[in-house]
Amino acid sequence: MRQVTKLVMGEGIRYDSKAYGWPENCYFLKGTKVGPTDDILKLMELGRECEDNWGRDHGKILFVYVSVSVQI
């Protein structure tokens, strides 16, 4: 739930893993507040773009957090 709060507040989230993590200062949706009226398909597309640019999200945390945050 902590990561969902970060999306709702516009802080963005990072995929932080020693083996596969994203480069420093790479955040998903930093500066964008996510809410229940947002287009979940568009947010998932943005998540895929982040993976294409910074590396795959092995835990699929982005899609889980986007789904939960839009439903709140």
Foldseek 3Di string as FASTA:
>chain_A
DVQLVCQQVQQFAWLDDPVWTFDPPQGQRRNHHAAQVDDLVVSVVSVVVSCVVTNDSVVPVSSVSSVVRNND
